[in-house]
Structures are given as C-alpha cells and as structure tokens.
C-alpha cells in the first residue's frame, strides 16, 4: 500500500464483484445456497490472493487489465476455478453467467459491461481517503506522484471513464442482431 492512501484494503471491491457474480448463480436456480456460499468464499479467496501484489490505491488504473474478470468465448480462469470447487463445469458456468461479461475490480470502483458494446455500469464506488502528511492534505493522482508541501488537486479519472473517453481499442465485431427502434 502506498503511503498517500489511508485505505489499502480490497475487501469491499472484491465483495461487490463476488456478490454480483454469485447472484447469477442464485437467480438461475440450479445451484443451492450452500454451493453459492462456497463459490463466493472460494472466489473471494482466489481474487484476494491474485490481486494482493496488483492493488494500487494511489494509482487505481495501474493493474486494471490484470484485475479484469472476462467471460467471452473463454471462461475467466479464476471464475472457472471457483466454479469447479462446487462441482460446476465450465460449460455449466457458461449457462449460468452472461456469455459476454467484463468486470473491472479496481481500487474504489467495481464496474461491469455485459456485451462488447454494452453500457458500463458501476456496482461499487467509494472515494480515496487522503492522509495528512506534515500538515498538508495530499490526494492521490493518476501518476501516483506526491507533492512536497503544497496540496495536490485530485484529477482522478477512472479506468472506465478513460475507456469511454478514448473509445474502443479494437473495432466492433459484427453481430447478427435484430434492432428495435421507436
């Protein structure tokens, strides 16, 4: 944890992500409550271990790709591992979870997108708590650099805001869909 940030725990973010995924298992009805609890605890443990050296509260976008949970033509290996612990195959997980899902687990924000061109929705959001250093309040910045004596303006832009501002890195795929307009 960087000294500029008072809160370095990733527990609320991981809980939000795990709760979101667990609800899909619960809603589809083929998984009992005990299995959902085991899946949730397993995924919390797996994500905590996976992210422990890739969690940067002072630079939330750093490591965002590493922490991204992705389900598309391939099952995210961490979700697959938690599913296997309760006896679900990858094929069963595909039936229970959205077929196109991106879930970003970042310091202070958890958000998701269903579909390649879907809207980005925020599941969890909090603000970094600046610490007082030598009588000066110092806020985190995207560059992670501090200030020696003068307050720093927080110009934080979330990773998802960057994606929306900068646009897609790859061209849209063509899908056969029926559109409805009014």
C-alpha atoms as a PDB file:
ATOM      1  CA  UNK A   1       0.000   0.000   0.000  1.00  0.00           C
ATOM      2  CA  UNK A   2       1.258   3.464  -0.884  1.00  0.00           C
ATOM      3  CA  UNK A   3       1.625   5.959   1.971  1.00  0.00           C
ATOM      4  CA  UNK A   4      -0.623   8.514   0.254  1.00  0.00           C
ATOM      5  CA  UNK A   5      -3.694   6.361   0.667  1.00  0.00           C
ATOM      6  CA  UNK A   6      -5.271   5.680   4.017  1.00  0.00           C
ATOM      7  CA  UNK A   7      -7.249   2.673   2.786  1.00  0.00           C
ATOM      8  CA  UNK A   8      -5.436  -0.134   1.025  1.00  0.00           C
ATOM      9  CA  UNK A   9      -7.886  -2.948   1.606  1.00  0.00           C
ATOM     10  CA  UNK A  10      -9.548  -4.506  -1.415  1.00  0.00           C
ATOM     11  CA  UNK A  11     -12.240  -6.300   0.564  1.00  0.00           C
ATOM     12  CA  UNK A  12     -15.244  -4.061  -0.345  1.00  0.00           C
ATOM     13  CA  UNK A  13     -14.355  -4.186  -4.034  1.00  0.00           C
ATOM     14  CA  UNK A  14     -13.888  -7.959  -4.054  1.00  0.00           C
ATOM     15  CA  UNK A  15     -17.128  -8.432  -2.092  1.00  0.00           C
ATOM     16  CA  UNK A  16     -19.007  -6.337  -4.668  1.00  0.00           C
ATOM     17  CA  UNK A  17     -17.593  -8.325  -7.594  1.00  0.00           C
ATOM     18  CA  UNK A  18     -18.186 -11.703  -5.937  1.00  0.00           C
ATOM     19  CA  UNK A  19     -21.714 -10.740  -4.884  1.00  0.00           C
ATOM     20  CA  UNK A  20     -22.517  -9.688  -8.441  1.00  0.00           C
ATOM     21  CA  UNK A  21     -21.314 -12.985  -9.938  1.00  0.00           C
ATOM     22  CA  UNK A  22     -22.897 -15.066  -7.164  1.00  0.00           C
ATOM     23  CA  UNK A  23     -26.321 -13.537  -7.831  1.00  0.00           C
ATOM     24  CA  UNK A  24     -26.253 -15.018 -11.337  1.00  0.00           C
ATOM     25  CA  UNK A  25     -25.754 -18.496  -9.864  1.00  0.00           C
ATOM     26  CA  UNK A  26     -28.549 -17.931  -7.333  1.00  0.00           C
ATOM     27  CA  UNK A  27     -31.018 -16.485  -9.879  1.00  0.00           C
ATOM     28  CA  UNK A  28     -30.652 -19.298 -12.396  1.00  0.00           C
ATOM     29  CA  UNK A  29     -31.722 -21.698  -9.640  1.00  0.00           C
ATOM     30  CA  UNK A  30     -29.505 -24.700 -10.428  1.00  0.00           C
ATOM     31  CA  UNK A  31     -27.144 -24.024  -7.543  1.00  0.00           C
ATOM     32  CA  UNK A  32     -28.188 -24.438  -3.901  1.00  0.00           C
ATOM     33  CA  UNK A  33     -27.451 -21.884  -1.171  1.00  0.00           C
ATOM     34  CA  UNK A  34     -24.556 -23.892   0.261  1.00  0.00           C
ATOM     35  CA  UNK A  35     -22.901 -24.087  -3.175  1.00  0.00           C
ATOM     36  CA  UNK A  36     -23.378 -20.336  -3.698  1.00  0.00           C
ATOM     37  CA  UNK A  37     -21.760 -19.657  -0.310  1.00  0.00           C
ATOM     38  CA  UNK A  38     -18.828 -21.958  -1.142  1.00  0.00           C
ATOM     39  CA  UNK A  39     -18.452 -20.378  -4.593  1.00  0.00           C
ATOM     40  CA  UNK A  40     -18.495 -16.892  -3.049  1.00  0.00           C
ATOM     41  CA  UNK A  41     -15.923 -17.698  -0.376  1.00  0.00           C
ATOM     42  CA  UNK A  42     -13.698 -19.504  -2.879  1.00  0.00           C
ATOM     43  CA  UNK A  43     -13.817 -16.637  -5.350  1.00  0.00           C
ATOM     44  CA  UNK A  44     -13.100 -14.101  -2.586  1.00  0.00           C
ATOM     45  CA  UNK A  45     -10.053 -16.106  -1.535  1.00  0.00           C
ATOM     46  CA  UNK A  46      -8.869 -16.580  -5.127  1.00  0.00           C
ATOM     47  CA  UNK A  47      -9.251 -12.890  -6.035  1.00  0.00           C
ATOM     48  CA  UNK A  48      -7.588 -11.695  -2.812  1.00  0.00           C
ATOM     49  CA  UNK A  49      -4.597 -13.907  -3.476  1.00  0.00           C
ATOM     50  CA  UNK A  50      -4.463 -12.983  -7.178  1.00  0.00           C
ATOM     51  CA  UNK A  51      -4.709  -9.232  -6.600  1.00  0.00           C
ATOM     52  CA  UNK A  52      -2.529  -8.834  -3.496  1.00  0.00           C
ATOM     53  CA  UNK A  53       0.535  -7.659  -5.450  1.00  0.00           C
ATOM     54  CA  UNK A  54      -1.544  -5.842  -8.093  1.00  0.00           C
ATOM     55  CA  UNK A  55      -3.566  -3.444  -5.934  1.00  0.00           C
ATOM     56  CA  UNK A  56      -2.521   0.209  -6.145  1.00  0.00           C
ATOM     57  CA  UNK A  57      -4.959   2.546  -4.349  1.00  0.00           C
ATOM     58  CA  UNK A  58      -2.786   5.560  -5.213  1.00  0.00           C
ATOM     59  CA  UNK A  59      -2.976   4.630  -8.934  1.00  0.00           C
ATOM     60  CA  UNK A  60      -6.281   2.751  -9.427  1.00  0.00           C
ATOM     61  CA  UNK A  61      -5.836   2.197 -13.166  1.00  0.00           C
ATOM     62  CA  UNK A  62      -2.465   0.511 -12.691  1.00  0.00           C
ATOM     63  CA  UNK A  63      -3.071  -3.225 -12.975  1.00  0.00           C
ATOM     64  CA  UNK A  64      -6.681  -2.796 -14.104  1.00  0.00           C
ATOM     65  CA  UNK A  65      -6.228  -5.210 -17.000  1.00  0.00           C
ATOM     66  CA  UNK A  66      -4.734  -7.804 -14.673  1.00  0.00           C
ATOM     67  CA  UNK A  67      -7.695  -7.480 -12.289  1.00  0.00           C
ATOM     68  CA  UNK A  68     -10.299  -7.565 -15.055  1.00  0.00           C
ATOM     69  CA  UNK A  69     -12.622 -10.576 -14.961  1.00  0.00           C
ATOM     70  CA  UNK A  70     -13.588 -11.500 -18.501  1.00  0.00           C
ATOM     71  CA  UNK A  71     -16.069 -14.018 -19.834  1.00  0.00           C
ATOM     72  CA  UNK A  72     -16.477 -14.269 -23.594  1.00  0.00           C
ATOM     73  CA  UNK A  73     -15.508 -17.177 -25.817  1.00  0.00           C
ATOM     74  CA  UNK A  74     -13.262 -18.212 -22.892  1.00  0.00           C
ATOM     75  CA  UNK A  75     -14.228 -18.548 -19.246  1.00  0.00           C
ATOM     76  CA  UNK A  76     -12.223 -16.400 -16.853  1.00  0.00           C
ATOM     77  CA  UNK A  77      -9.846 -18.886 -15.189  1.00  0.00           C
ATOM     78  CA  UNK A  78     -10.453 -17.527 -11.669  1.00  0.00           C
ATOM     79  CA  UNK A  79     -14.234 -17.816 -12.005  1.00  0.00           C
ATOM     80  CA  UNK A  80     -13.751 -21.273 -13.536  1.00  0.00           C
ATOM     81  CA  UNK A  81     -11.614 -22.333 -10.586  1.00  0.00           C
ATOM     82  CA  UNK A  82     -14.247 -21.196  -8.060  1.00  0.00           C
ATOM     83  CA  UNK A  83     -16.958 -22.948 -10.076  1.00  0.00           C
ATOM     84  CA  UNK A  84     -15.023 -26.194 -10.154  1.00  0.00           C
ATOM     85  CA  UNK A  85     -14.745 -26.100  -6.338  1.00  0.00           C
ATOM     86  CA  UNK A  86     -18.531 -26.529  -6.164  1.00  0.00           C
ATOM     87  CA  UNK A  87     -18.676 -29.130  -8.902  1.00  0.00           C
ATOM     88  CA  UNK A  88     -19.645 -26.917 -11.846  1.00  0.00           C
ATOM     89  CA  UNK A  89     -18.053 -27.489 -15.216  1.00  0.00           C
ATOM     90  CA  UNK A  90     -17.005 -24.630 -17.470  1.00  0.00           C
ATOM     91  CA  UNK A  91     -19.994 -25.450 -19.705  1.00  0.00           C
ATOM     92  CA  UNK A  92     -22.373 -25.166 -16.726  1.00  0.00           C
ATOM     93  CA  UNK A  93     -20.823 -21.812 -15.770  1.00  0.00           C
ATOM     94  CA  UNK A  94     -21.412 -20.569 -19.332  1.00  0.00           C
ATOM     95  CA  UNK A  95     -25.110 -21.395 -18.891  1.00  0.00           C
ATOM     96  CA  UNK A  96     -25.328 -19.593 -15.533  1.00  0.00           C
ATOM     97  CA  UNK A  97     -23.279 -16.461 -16.294  1.00  0.00           C
ATOM     98  CA  UNK A  98     -23.610 -13.850 -19.069  1.00  0.00           C
ATOM     99  CA  UNK A  99     -21.892 -15.007 -22.248  1.00  0.00           C
ATOM    100  CA  UNK A 100     -20.158 -11.620 -22.707  1.00  0.00           C
ATOM    101  CA  UNK A 101     -19.112 -10.038 -19.420  1.00  0.00           C
ATOM    102  CA  UNK A 102     -16.319  -7.689 -18.442  1.00  0.00           C
ATOM    103  CA  UNK A 103     -15.964  -6.946 -14.731  1.00  0.00           C
ATOM    104  CA  UNK A 104     -13.383  -4.391 -13.588  1.00  0.00           C
ATOM    105  CA  UNK A 105     -12.254  -4.698  -9.967  1.00  0.00           C
ATOM    106  CA  UNK A 106     -10.278  -1.551  -9.217  1.00  0.00           C
ATOM    107  CA  UNK A 107      -9.462   0.352  -6.051  1.00  0.00           C
ATOM    108  CA  UNK A 108     -12.514   2.455  -5.142  1.00  0.00           C
ATOM    109  CA  UNK A 109     -14.648   1.182  -8.050  1.00  0.00           C
ATOM    110  CA  UNK A 110     -16.131  -2.027  -9.385  1.00  0.00           C
ATOM    111  CA  UNK A 111     -17.962  -1.821 -12.674  1.00  0.00           C
ATOM    112  CA  UNK A 112     -19.144  -4.138 -15.408  1.00  0.00           C
ATOM    113  CA  UNK A 113     -20.239  -4.309 -19.002  1.00  0.00           C
ATOM    114  CA  UNK A 114     -22.446  -7.011 -20.490  1.00  0.00           C
ATOM    115  CA  UNK A 115     -21.839  -7.387 -24.224  1.00  0.00           C
ATOM    116  CA  UNK A 116     -18.983  -5.912 -26.227  1.00  0.00           C
ATOM    117  CA  UNK A 117     -20.823  -2.655 -26.856  1.00  0.00           C
ATOM    118  CA  UNK A 118     -22.943  -2.533 -23.693  1.00  0.00           C
ATOM    119  CA  UNK A 119     -23.027   0.346 -21.267  1.00  0.00           C
ATOM    120  CA  UNK A 120     -20.588   0.386 -18.387  1.00  0.00           C
ATOM    121  CA  UNK A 121     -22.409   0.188 -15.052  1.00  0.00           C
ATOM    122  CA  UNK A 122     -20.917   0.871 -11.635  1.00  0.00           C
ATOM    123  CA  UNK A 123     -21.521  -1.732  -8.909  1.00  0.00           C
ATOM    124  CA  UNK A 124     -19.447  -0.170  -6.148  1.00  0.00           C
ATOM    125  CA  UNK A 125     -17.820   3.200  -5.757  1.00  0.00           C
ATOM    126  CA  UNK A 126     -16.023   4.941  -2.920  1.00  0.00           C
ATOM    127  CA  UNK A 127     -13.643   7.833  -2.567  1.00  0.00           C
ATOM    128  CA  UNK A 128      -9.995   7.566  -1.568  1.00  0.00           C
ATOM    129  CA  UNK A 129      -9.346   8.952   1.882  1.00  0.00           C
ATOM    130  CA  UNK A 130      -6.368  11.311   1.717  1.00  0.00           C
ATOM    131  CA  UNK A 131      -3.937  11.211   4.598  1.00  0.00           C
ATOM    132  CA  UNK A 132      -2.350  14.168   6.330  1.00  0.00           C
ATOM    133  CA  UNK A 133       1.386  14.401   5.782  1.00  0.00           C
ATOM    134  CA  UNK A 134       3.308  17.204   7.530  1.00  0.00           C
ATOM    135  CA  UNK A 135       0.126  19.241   7.938  1.00  0.00           C
ATOM    136  CA  UNK A 136      -0.722  19.059   4.226  1.00  0.00           C
ATOM    137  CA  UNK A 137      -3.583  17.125   2.717  1.00  0.00           C
ATOM    138  CA  UNK A 138      -2.299  15.142  -0.237  1.00  0.00           C
ATOM    139  CA  UNK A 139      -4.723  13.450  -2.602  1.00  0.00           C
ATOM    140  CA  UNK A 140      -3.869  10.637  -4.932  1.00  0.00           C
ATOM    141  CA  UNK A 141      -3.308  11.325  -8.593  1.00  0.00           C
ATOM    142  CA  UNK A 142      -3.201   9.102 -11.684  1.00  0.00           C
ATOM    143  CA  UNK A 143       0.584   9.481 -11.823  1.00  0.00           C
ATOM    144  CA  UNK A 144       0.917   8.493  -8.159  1.00  0.00           C
ATOM    145  CA  UNK A 145       3.388  11.318  -7.548  1.00  0.00           C
ATOM    146  CA  UNK A 146       3.157  13.296  -4.355  1.00  0.00           C
ATOM    147  CA  UNK A 147       3.791  16.921  -3.629  1.00  0.00           C
ATOM    148  CA  UNK A 148       6.431  18.256  -1.316  1.00  0.00           C
ATOM    149  CA  UNK A 149       4.490  20.709   0.809  1.00  0.00           C
ATOM    150  CA  UNK A 150       1.663  22.018  -1.368  1.00  0.00           C
ATOM    151  CA  UNK A 151      -1.756  20.406  -1.724  1.00  0.00           C
ATOM    152  CA  UNK A 152      -2.314  18.407  -4.862  1.00  0.00           C
ATOM    153  CA  UNK A 153      -5.522  18.593  -6.865  1.00  0.00           C
ATOM    154  CA  UNK A 154      -7.167  15.200  -7.318  1.00  0.00           C
ATOM    155  CA  UNK A 155      -7.545  14.811 -11.056  1.00  0.00           C
ATOM    156  CA  UNK A 156      -8.543  11.128 -10.795  1.00  0.00           C
ATOM    157  CA  UNK A 157     -10.278   9.711 -13.823  1.00  0.00           C
ATOM    158  CA  UNK A 158     -11.474   6.151 -13.504  1.00  0.00           C
ATOM    159  CA  UNK A 159     -10.246   3.420 -15.815  1.00  0.00           C
ATOM    160  CA  UNK A 160     -13.740   3.042 -17.221  1.00  0.00           C
ATOM    161  CA  UNK A 161     -14.018   6.800 -17.858  1.00  0.00           C
ATOM    162  CA  UNK A 162     -10.765   6.545 -19.800  1.00  0.00           C
ATOM    163  CA  UNK A 163     -12.266   3.733 -21.861  1.00  0.00           C
ATOM    164  CA  UNK A 164     -15.373   5.802 -22.592  1.00  0.00           C
ATOM    165  CA  UNK A 165     -13.358   8.924 -23.443  1.00  0.00           C
ATOM    166  CA  UNK A 166     -10.703   7.214 -25.523  1.00  0.00           C
ATOM    167  CA  UNK A 167     -13.081   4.743 -27.102  1.00  0.00           C
ATOM    168  CA  UNK A 168     -12.537   1.130 -28.031  1.00  0.00           C
ATOM    169  CA  UNK A 169      -9.043  -0.160 -28.667  1.00  0.00           C
ATOM    170  CA  UNK A 170     -10.359  -2.670 -31.181  1.00  0.00           C
ATOM    171  CA  UNK A 171     -13.048  -2.344 -33.816  1.00  0.00           C
ATOM    172  CA  UNK A 172     -16.562  -3.523 -33.026  1.00  0.00           C
ATOM    173  CA  UNK A 173     -17.428  -7.043 -34.037  1.00  0.00           C
ATOM    174  CA  UNK A 174     -20.331  -7.632 -36.360  1.00  0.00           C
ATOM    175  CA  UNK A 175     -23.203  -9.459 -34.695  1.00  0.00           C
ATOM    176  CA  UNK A 176     -26.438 -10.691 -36.203  1.00  0.00           C
ATOM    177  CA  UNK A 177     -28.977  -8.825 -34.118  1.00  0.00           C
ATOM    178  CA  UNK A 178     -32.449  -7.556 -34.510  1.00  0.00           C
ATOM    179  CA  UNK A 179     -32.771  -3.906 -33.585  1.00  0.00           C
ATOM    180  CA  UNK A 180     -35.932  -2.233 -32.446  1.00  0.00           C
ATOM    181  CA  UNK A 181     -36.426   1.485 -32.915  1.00  0.00           C
ATOM    182  CA  UNK A 182     -39.276   3.749 -31.990  1.00  0.00           C
END
